[in-house]
PDB file of N, CA and C in Angstrom:
ATOM      1  N   UNK A   1      33.591 -32.331  -8.418  1.00  0.00           N
ATOM      2  CA  UNK A   1      33.307 -32.076  -9.929  1.00  0.00           C
ATOM      3  C   UNK A   1      31.876 -31.229 -10.008  1.00  0.00           C
ATOM      4  N   UNK A   2      30.896 -31.662  -9.591  1.00  0.00           N
ATOM      5  CA  UNK A   2      29.537 -30.959  -9.578  1.00  0.00           C
ATOM      6  C   UNK A   2      29.532 -29.434  -9.004  1.00  0.00           C
ATOM      7  N   UNK A   3      30.451 -29.342  -7.889  1.00  0.00           N
ATOM      8  CA  UNK A   3      30.546 -27.886  -7.212  1.00  0.00           C
ATOM      9  C   UNK A   3      31.136 -26.932  -8.223  1.00  0.00           C
ATOM     10  N   UNK A   4      32.079 -27.587  -9.068  1.00  0.00           N
ATOM     11  CA  UNK A   4      32.974 -26.709  -9.969  1.00  0.00           C
ATOM     12  C   UNK A   4      31.967 -26.231 -10.932  1.00  0.00           C
ATOM     13  N   UNK A   5      31.012 -27.221 -11.638  1.00  0.00           N
ATOM     14  CA  UNK A   5      30.044 -26.876 -12.543  1.00  0.00           C
ATOM     15  C   UNK A   5      29.316 -25.958 -12.036  1.00  0.00           C
ATOM     16  N   UNK A   6      28.987 -25.884 -10.811  1.00  0.00           N
ATOM     17  CA  UNK A   6      27.821 -25.114 -10.373  1.00  0.00           C
ATOM     18  C   UNK A   6      28.218 -23.651 -10.133  1.00  0.00           C
ATOM     19  N   UNK A   7      29.374 -23.571  -9.646  1.00  0.00           N
ATOM     20  CA  UNK A   7      30.113 -22.126  -9.656  1.00  0.00           C
ATOM     21  C   UNK A   7      30.250 -21.528 -10.788  1.00  0.00           C
ATOM     22  N   UNK A   8      30.693 -22.296 -11.960  1.00  0.00           N
ATOM     23  CA  UNK A   8      30.925 -21.663 -13.428  1.00  0.00           C
ATOM     24  C   UNK A   8      29.403 -21.243 -13.991  1.00  0.00           C
ATOM     25  N   UNK A   9      28.397 -21.967 -13.486  1.00  0.00           N
ATOM     26  CA  UNK A   9      27.149 -21.714 -14.064  1.00  0.00           C
ATOM     27  C   UNK A   9      26.639 -20.233 -13.113  1.00  0.00           C
ATOM     28  N   UNK A  10      26.892 -20.126 -12.315  1.00  0.00           N
ATOM     29  CA  UNK A  10      26.486 -18.921 -11.184  1.00  0.00           C
ATOM     30  C   UNK A  10      27.437 -17.692 -11.928  1.00  0.00           C
ATOM     31  N   UNK A  11      28.694 -17.816 -12.080  1.00  0.00           N
ATOM     32  CA  UNK A  11      29.507 -16.944 -12.434  1.00  0.00           C
ATOM     33  C   UNK A  11      28.815 -16.372 -13.924  1.00  0.00           C
ATOM     34  N   UNK A  12      28.547 -17.526 -14.790  1.00  0.00           N
ATOM     35  CA  UNK A  12      28.053 -17.130 -16.086  1.00  0.00           C
ATOM     36  C   UNK A  12      26.898 -16.046 -16.079  1.00  0.00           C
ATOM     37  N   UNK A  13      26.056 -16.688 -15.225  1.00  0.00           N
ATOM     38  CA  UNK A  13      24.916 -15.914 -14.941  1.00  0.00           C
ATOM     39  C   UNK A  13      24.922 -14.483 -14.309  1.00  0.00           C
ATOM     40  N   UNK A  14      26.131 -14.396 -13.607  1.00  0.00           N
ATOM     41  CA  UNK A  14      26.112 -13.269 -12.959  1.00  0.00           C
ATOM     42  C   UNK A  14      26.676 -12.338 -14.132  1.00  0.00           C
ATOM     43  N   UNK A  15      27.491 -12.801 -14.983  1.00  0.00           N
ATOM     44  CA  UNK A  15      28.154 -12.124 -16.247  1.00  0.00           C
ATOM     45  C   UNK A  15      27.190 -11.652 -17.033  1.00  0.00           C
ATOM     46  N   UNK A  16      26.236 -12.416 -17.407  1.00  0.00           N
ATOM     47  CA  UNK A  16      24.795 -12.136 -18.089  1.00  0.00           C
ATOM     48  C   UNK A  16      24.162 -11.046 -17.700  1.00  0.00           C
ATOM     49  N   UNK A  17      23.895 -11.036 -16.175  1.00  0.00           N
ATOM     50  CA  UNK A  17      23.158  -9.937 -15.594  1.00  0.00           C
ATOM     51  C   UNK A  17      24.125  -8.586 -15.843  1.00  0.00           C
ATOM     52  N   UNK A  18      25.104  -8.772 -15.750  1.00  0.00           N
ATOM     53  CA  UNK A  18      26.099  -7.382 -15.872  1.00  0.00           C
ATOM     54  C   UNK A  18      26.136  -7.007 -17.074  1.00  0.00           C
ATOM     55  N   UNK A  19      25.993  -7.976 -18.232  1.00  0.00           N
ATOM     56  CA  UNK A  19      26.094  -7.661 -19.609  1.00  0.00           C
ATOM     57  C   UNK A  19      24.764  -6.587 -19.965  1.00  0.00           C
ATOM     58  N   UNK A  20      23.553  -7.133 -19.352  1.00  0.00           N
ATOM     59  CA  UNK A  20      22.398  -6.582 -19.739  1.00  0.00           C
ATOM     60  C   UNK A  20      22.441  -5.158 -19.254  1.00  0.00           C
ATOM     61  N   UNK A  21      21.676  -4.298 -20.289  1.00  0.00           N
ATOM     62  CA  UNK A  21      21.935  -2.827 -19.983  1.00  0.00           C
ATOM     63  C   UNK A  21      20.928  -2.421 -18.754  1.00  0.00           C
ATOM     64  N   UNK A  22      21.266  -1.313 -18.089  1.00  0.00           N
ATOM     65  CA  UNK A  22      20.588  -0.951 -16.947  1.00  0.00           C
ATOM     66  C   UNK A  22      18.979  -0.683 -17.501  1.00  0.00           C
ATOM     67  N   UNK A  23      18.956  -0.119 -18.611  1.00  0.00           N
ATOM     68  CA  UNK A  23      17.406  -0.042 -19.155  1.00  0.00           C
ATOM     69  C   UNK A  23      16.670  -1.013 -19.379  1.00  0.00           C
ATOM     70  N   UNK A  24      17.305  -2.170 -19.867  1.00  0.00           N
ATOM     71  CA  UNK A  24      16.590  -3.419 -19.720  1.00  0.00           C
ATOM     72  C   UNK A  24      16.385  -3.949 -18.434  1.00  0.00           C
ATOM     73  N   UNK A  25      17.133  -3.969 -17.518  1.00  0.00           N
ATOM     74  CA  UNK A  25      16.875  -4.276 -16.103  1.00  0.00           C
ATOM     75  C   UNK A  25      15.862  -3.594 -15.507  1.00  0.00           C
ATOM     76  N   UNK A  26      15.722  -2.066 -15.767  1.00  0.00           N
ATOM     77  CA  UNK A  26      14.813  -1.170 -15.188  1.00  0.00           C
ATOM     78  C   UNK A  26      13.324  -1.738 -15.731  1.00  0.00           C
ATOM     79  N   UNK A  27      13.289  -2.176 -17.033  1.00  0.00           N
ATOM     80  CA  UNK A  27      11.964  -2.499 -17.674  1.00  0.00           C
ATOM     81  C   UNK A  27      11.584  -3.876 -17.167  1.00  0.00           C
ATOM     82  N   UNK A  28      12.514  -4.715 -16.831  1.00  0.00           N
ATOM     83  CA  UNK A  28      12.017  -6.096 -16.365  1.00  0.00           C
ATOM     84  C   UNK A  28      11.389  -5.548 -14.664  1.00  0.00           C
ATOM     85  N   UNK A  29      12.037  -4.880 -14.012  1.00  0.00           N
ATOM     86  CA  UNK A  29      11.629  -4.568 -12.734  1.00  0.00           C
ATOM     87  C   UNK A  29      10.364  -3.919 -12.542  1.00  0.00           C
ATOM     88  N   UNK A  30      10.248  -2.933 -13.677  1.00  0.00           N
ATOM     89  CA  UNK A  30       8.990  -2.199 -13.944  1.00  0.00           C
ATOM     90  C   UNK A  30       7.753  -3.030 -14.427  1.00  0.00           C
ATOM     91  N   UNK A  31       7.979  -4.088 -15.205  1.00  0.00           N
ATOM     92  CA  UNK A  31       7.022  -4.969 -15.490  1.00  0.00           C
ATOM     93  C   UNK A  31       6.774  -5.890 -14.486  1.00  0.00           C
ATOM     94  N   UNK A  32       7.928  -6.341 -13.708  1.00  0.00           N
ATOM     95  CA  UNK A  32       7.385  -7.175 -12.408  1.00  0.00           C
ATOM     96  C   UNK A  32       6.477  -6.621 -11.489  1.00  0.00           C
ATOM     97  N   UNK A  33       6.850  -5.267 -11.270  1.00  0.00           N
ATOM     98  CA  UNK A  33       5.735  -4.435 -10.639  1.00  0.00           C
ATOM     99  C   UNK A  33       4.366  -4.442 -10.932  1.00  0.00           C
ATOM    100  N   UNK A  34       4.422  -3.974 -12.254  1.00  0.00           N
ATOM    101  CA  UNK A  34       2.931  -4.109 -12.540  1.00  0.00           C
ATOM    102  C   UNK A  34       2.107  -5.338 -12.641  1.00  0.00           C
ATOM    103  N   UNK A  35       2.887  -6.496 -12.958  1.00  0.00           N
ATOM    104  CA  UNK A  35       2.435  -7.834 -12.567  1.00  0.00           C
ATOM    105  C   UNK A  35       1.908  -8.157 -11.261  1.00  0.00           C
ATOM    106  N   UNK A  36       2.710  -7.442 -10.233  1.00  0.00           N
ATOM    107  CA  UNK A  36       2.256  -7.883  -8.906  1.00  0.00           C
ATOM    108  C   UNK A  36       1.272  -6.993  -8.364  1.00  0.00           C
ATOM    109  N   UNK A  37       1.377  -5.876  -9.087  1.00  0.00           N
ATOM    110  CA  UNK A  37      -0.029  -4.961  -8.790  1.00  0.00           C
ATOM    111  C   UNK A  37      -1.277  -5.478  -9.308  1.00  0.00           C
ATOM    112  N   UNK A  38      -1.054  -5.974 -10.650  1.00  0.00           N
ATOM    113  CA  UNK A  38      -2.208  -6.507 -11.155  1.00  0.00           C
ATOM    114  C   UNK A  38      -2.962  -7.664 -10.096  1.00  0.00           C
ATOM    115  N   UNK A  39      -1.815  -8.471  -9.911  1.00  0.00           N
ATOM    116  CA  UNK A  39      -2.275  -9.619  -9.125  1.00  0.00           C
ATOM    117  C   UNK A  39      -3.034  -9.382  -7.705  1.00  0.00           C
ATOM    118  N   UNK A  40      -2.266  -8.363  -7.289  1.00  0.00           N
ATOM    119  CA  UNK A  40      -3.314  -7.895  -5.935  1.00  0.00           C
ATOM    120  C   UNK A  40      -4.329  -7.310  -6.075  1.00  0.00           C
ATOM    121  N   UNK A  41      -4.474  -6.497  -7.165  1.00  0.00           N
ATOM    122  CA  UNK A  41      -6.040  -5.832  -7.579  1.00  0.00           C
ATOM    123  C   UNK A  41      -6.916  -7.122  -7.943  1.00  0.00           C
ATOM    124  N   UNK A  42      -6.485  -8.190  -8.484  1.00  0.00           N
ATOM    125  CA  UNK A  42      -7.414  -9.373  -8.958  1.00  0.00           C
ATOM    126  C   UNK A  42      -7.755 -10.025  -7.711  1.00  0.00           C
ATOM    127  N   UNK A  43      -6.810 -10.397  -6.534  1.00  0.00           N
ATOM    128  CA  UNK A  43      -7.083 -11.055  -5.199  1.00  0.00           C
ATOM    129  C   UNK A  43      -7.988 -10.231  -4.536  1.00  0.00           C
ATOM    130  N   UNK A  44      -7.877  -8.760  -4.260  1.00  0.00           N
ATOM    131  CA  UNK A  44      -8.659  -8.175  -3.716  1.00  0.00           C
ATOM    132  C   UNK A  44     -10.026  -8.284  -4.060  1.00  0.00           C
ATOM    133  N   UNK A  45     -10.377  -8.053  -5.635  1.00  0.00           N
ATOM    134  CA  UNK A  45     -11.666  -7.983  -6.177  1.00  0.00           C
ATOM    135  C   UNK A  45     -12.263  -9.232  -5.772  1.00  0.00           C
ATOM    136  N   UNK A  46     -11.486 -10.439  -5.769  1.00  0.00           N
ATOM    137  CA  UNK A  46     -11.907 -11.848  -5.408  1.00  0.00           C
ATOM    138  C   UNK A  46     -12.375 -11.915  -3.920  1.00  0.00           C
ATOM    139  N   UNK A  47     -11.651 -11.364  -3.092  1.00  0.00           N
ATOM    140  CA  UNK A  47     -11.778 -11.343  -1.873  1.00  0.00           C
ATOM    141  C   UNK A  47     -13.270 -10.324  -1.487  1.00  0.00           C
ATOM    142  N   UNK A  48     -13.441  -9.386  -2.152  1.00  0.00           N
ATOM    143  CA  UNK A  48     -14.494  -8.667  -2.069  1.00  0.00           C
ATOM    144  C   UNK A  48     -15.606  -9.593  -2.277  1.00  0.00           C
ATOM    145  N   UNK A  49     -15.554 -10.140  -3.456  1.00  0.00           N
ATOM    146  CA  UNK A  49     -16.724 -11.030  -4.159  1.00  0.00           C
ATOM    147  C   UNK A  49     -17.039 -11.950  -2.966  1.00  0.00           C
ATOM    148  N   UNK A  50     -16.016 -12.742  -2.491  1.00  0.00           N
ATOM    149  CA  UNK A  50     -16.380 -13.770  -1.417  1.00  0.00           C
ATOM    150  C   UNK A  50     -16.850 -13.165  -0.197  1.00  0.00           C
ATOM    151  N   UNK A  51     -16.460 -12.037   0.365  1.00  0.00           N
ATOM    152  CA  UNK A  51     -17.122 -11.691   1.652  1.00  0.00           C
ATOM    153  C   UNK A  51     -18.188 -10.900   1.214  1.00  0.00           C
ATOM    154  N   UNK A  52     -18.911 -10.729   0.162  1.00  0.00           N
ATOM    155  CA  UNK A  52     -20.226 -10.015   0.095  1.00  0.00           C
ATOM    156  C   UNK A  52     -21.161 -10.585   0.914  1.00  0.00           C
ATOM    157  N   UNK A  53     -22.131  -9.953   1.202  1.00  0.00           N
ATOM    158  CA  UNK A  53     -23.231 -10.021   2.486  1.00  0.00           C
ATOM    159  C   UNK A  53     -24.001 -11.619   2.062  1.00  0.00           C
ATOM    160  N   UNK A  54     -24.269 -12.275   2.966  1.00  0.00           N
ATOM    161  CA  UNK A  54     -25.017 -13.425   2.766  1.00  0.00           C
ATOM    162  C   UNK A  54     -26.406 -13.275   1.994  1.00  0.00           C
ATOM    163  N   UNK A  55     -26.860 -12.045   2.231  1.00  0.00           N
ATOM    164  CA  UNK A  55     -28.128 -11.720   1.920  1.00  0.00           C
ATOM    165  C   UNK A  55     -27.922 -11.618   0.166  1.00  0.00           C
ATOM    166  N   UNK A  56     -26.849 -10.788  -0.417  1.00  0.00           N
ATOM    167  CA  UNK A  56     -26.726 -10.971  -1.699  1.00  0.00           C
ATOM    168  C   UNK A  56     -26.385 -12.293  -2.235  1.00  0.00           C
ATOM    169  N   UNK A  57     -25.660 -13.154  -1.446  1.00  0.00           N
ATOM    170  CA  UNK A  57     -25.197 -14.340  -1.813  1.00  0.00           C
ATOM    171  C   UNK A  57     -26.549 -15.310  -2.204  1.00  0.00           C
ATOM    172  N   UNK A  58     -27.520 -15.007  -1.055  1.00  0.00           N
ATOM    173  CA  UNK A  58     -28.875 -16.030  -1.380  1.00  0.00           C
ATOM    174  C   UNK A  58     -29.722 -15.200  -2.429  1.00  0.00           C
ATOM    175  N   UNK A  59     -29.553 -14.125  -2.416  1.00  0.00           N
ATOM    176  CA  UNK A  59     -30.448 -13.437  -3.721  1.00  0.00           C
ATOM    177  C   UNK A  59     -29.855 -13.859  -5.194  1.00  0.00           C
ATOM    178  N   UNK A  60     -28.633 -13.831  -5.366  1.00  0.00           N
ATOM    179  CA  UNK A  60     -27.784 -14.357  -6.313  1.00  0.00           C
ATOM    180  C   UNK A  60     -28.299 -16.003  -6.652  1.00  0.00           C
ATOM    181  N   UNK A  61     -28.011 -16.677  -5.677  1.00  0.00           N
ATOM    182  CA  UNK A  61     -28.288 -18.111  -5.832  1.00  0.00           C
ATOM    183  C   UNK A  61     -29.978 -18.147  -6.218  1.00  0.00           C
ATOM    184  N   UNK A  62     -30.669 -17.465  -5.496  1.00  0.00           N
ATOM    185  CA  UNK A  62     -32.490 -17.713  -6.068  1.00  0.00           C
ATOM    186  C   UNK A  62     -32.575 -17.376  -7.363  1.00  0.00           C
ATOM    187  N   UNK A  63     -31.996 -16.141  -7.816  1.00  0.00           N
ATOM    188  CA  UNK A  63     -31.778 -15.667  -9.129  1.00  0.00           C
ATOM    189  C   UNK A  63     -31.503 -16.958  -9.938  1.00  0.00           C
ATOM    190  N   UNK A  64     -30.356 -17.345  -9.826  1.00  0.00           N
ATOM    191  CA  UNK A  64     -29.637 -18.477 -10.690  1.00  0.00           C
ATOM    192  C   UNK A  64     -30.714 -19.622 -10.768  1.00  0.00           C
ATOM    193  N   UNK A  65     -31.407 -19.897  -9.620  1.00  0.00           N
ATOM    194  CA  UNK A  65     -32.304 -21.244  -9.643  1.00  0.00           C
ATOM    195  C   UNK A  65     -33.544 -20.738 -10.383  1.00  0.00           C
ATOM    196  N   UNK A  66     -33.935 -19.588 -10.349  1.00  0.00           N
ATOM    197  CA  UNK A  66     -35.055 -19.362 -11.086  1.00  0.00           C
ATOM    198  C   UNK A  66     -34.893 -19.251 -12.772  1.00  0.00           C
ATOM    199  N   UNK A  67     -33.365 -18.728 -12.914  1.00  0.00           N
ATOM    200  CA  UNK A  67     -32.876 -18.926 -14.242  1.00  0.00           C
ATOM    201  C   UNK A  67     -32.959 -20.417 -14.663  1.00  0.00           C
ATOM    202  N   UNK A  68     -32.358 -21.286 -13.996  1.00  0.00           N
ATOM    203  CA  UNK A  68     -32.150 -22.604 -14.374  1.00  0.00           C
ATOM    204  C   UNK A  68     -33.525 -23.466 -14.704  1.00  0.00           C
ATOM    205  N   UNK A  69     -34.664 -22.825 -13.709  1.00  0.00           N
ATOM    206  CA  UNK A  69     -35.877 -23.454 -13.869  1.00  0.00           C
ATOM    207  C   UNK A  69     -36.462 -22.853 -15.376  1.00  0.00           C
ATOM    208  N   UNK A  70     -36.274 -21.616 -15.560  1.00  0.00           N
ATOM    209  CA  UNK A  70     -37.025 -21.143 -16.817  1.00  0.00           C
ATOM    210  C   UNK A  70     -36.359 -21.184 -17.990  1.00  0.00           C
ATOM    211  N   UNK A  71     -34.889 -21.751 -17.719  1.00  0.00           N
ATOM    212  CA  UNK A  71     -33.865 -21.722 -19.152  1.00  0.00           C
ATOM    213  C   UNK A  71     -34.326 -23.075 -19.873  1.00  0.00           C
ATOM    214  N   UNK A  72     -33.826 -23.113 -21.061  1.00  0.00           N
ATOM    215  CA  UNK A  72     -33.788 -24.577 -21.699  1.00  0.00           C
ATOM    216  C   UNK A  72     -33.102 -25.497 -21.154  1.00  0.00           C
ATOM    217  N   UNK A  73     -33.408 -26.705 -21.535  1.00  0.00           N
ATOM    218  CA  UNK A  73     -32.712 -27.857 -21.041  1.00  0.00           C
ATOM    219  C   UNK A  73     -31.250 -27.798 -20.823  1.00  0.00           C
ATOM    220  N   UNK A  74     -30.674 -27.323 -22.047  1.00  0.00           N
ATOM    221  CA  UNK A  74     -29.162 -27.004 -22.044  1.00  0.00           C
ATOM    222  C   UNK A  74     -28.533 -26.509 -20.899  1.00  0.00           C
ATOM    223  N   UNK A  75     -29.117 -25.573 -20.292  1.00  0.00           N
ATOM    224  CA  UNK A  75     -28.464 -24.927 -19.128  1.00  0.00           C
ATOM    225  C   UNK A  75     -28.700 -25.480 -17.838  1.00  0.00           C
ATOM    226  N   UNK A  76     -29.638 -26.309 -17.803  1.00  0.00           N
ATOM    227  CA  UNK A  76     -29.905 -26.930 -16.575  1.00  0.00           C
ATOM    228  C   UNK A  76     -28.809 -27.896 -16.295  1.00  0.00           C
ATOM    229  N   UNK A  77     -28.444 -27.963 -14.902  1.00  0.00           N
ATOM    230  CA  UNK A  77     -27.627 -29.082 -14.413  1.00  0.00           C
ATOM    231  C   UNK A  77     -28.306 -30.304 -14.464  1.00  0.00           C
ATOM    232  N   UNK A  78     -27.710 -31.581 -14.697  1.00  0.00           N
ATOM    233  CA  UNK A  78     -28.076 -32.719 -15.049  1.00  0.00           C
ATOM    234  C   UNK A  78     -29.391 -33.101 -14.530  1.00  0.00           C
TER     235      UNK A  78
END
């Protein structure tokens, strides 16, 4: 019984895909590619930030520490 239901659903899904116009399908593919490109770019920038030199990281952390010390109590960590 379950197998018949599954094949019917698959068939309906395939029909749905066939009914959609080529233009719509093309737009969906293009949109997917754009999303993929954005994700890759985002990951790349994160990787670059992560792999920045230790010197830069130390500089940033010391700058942050100085800011926390000079900043009002609100910004200070616990």
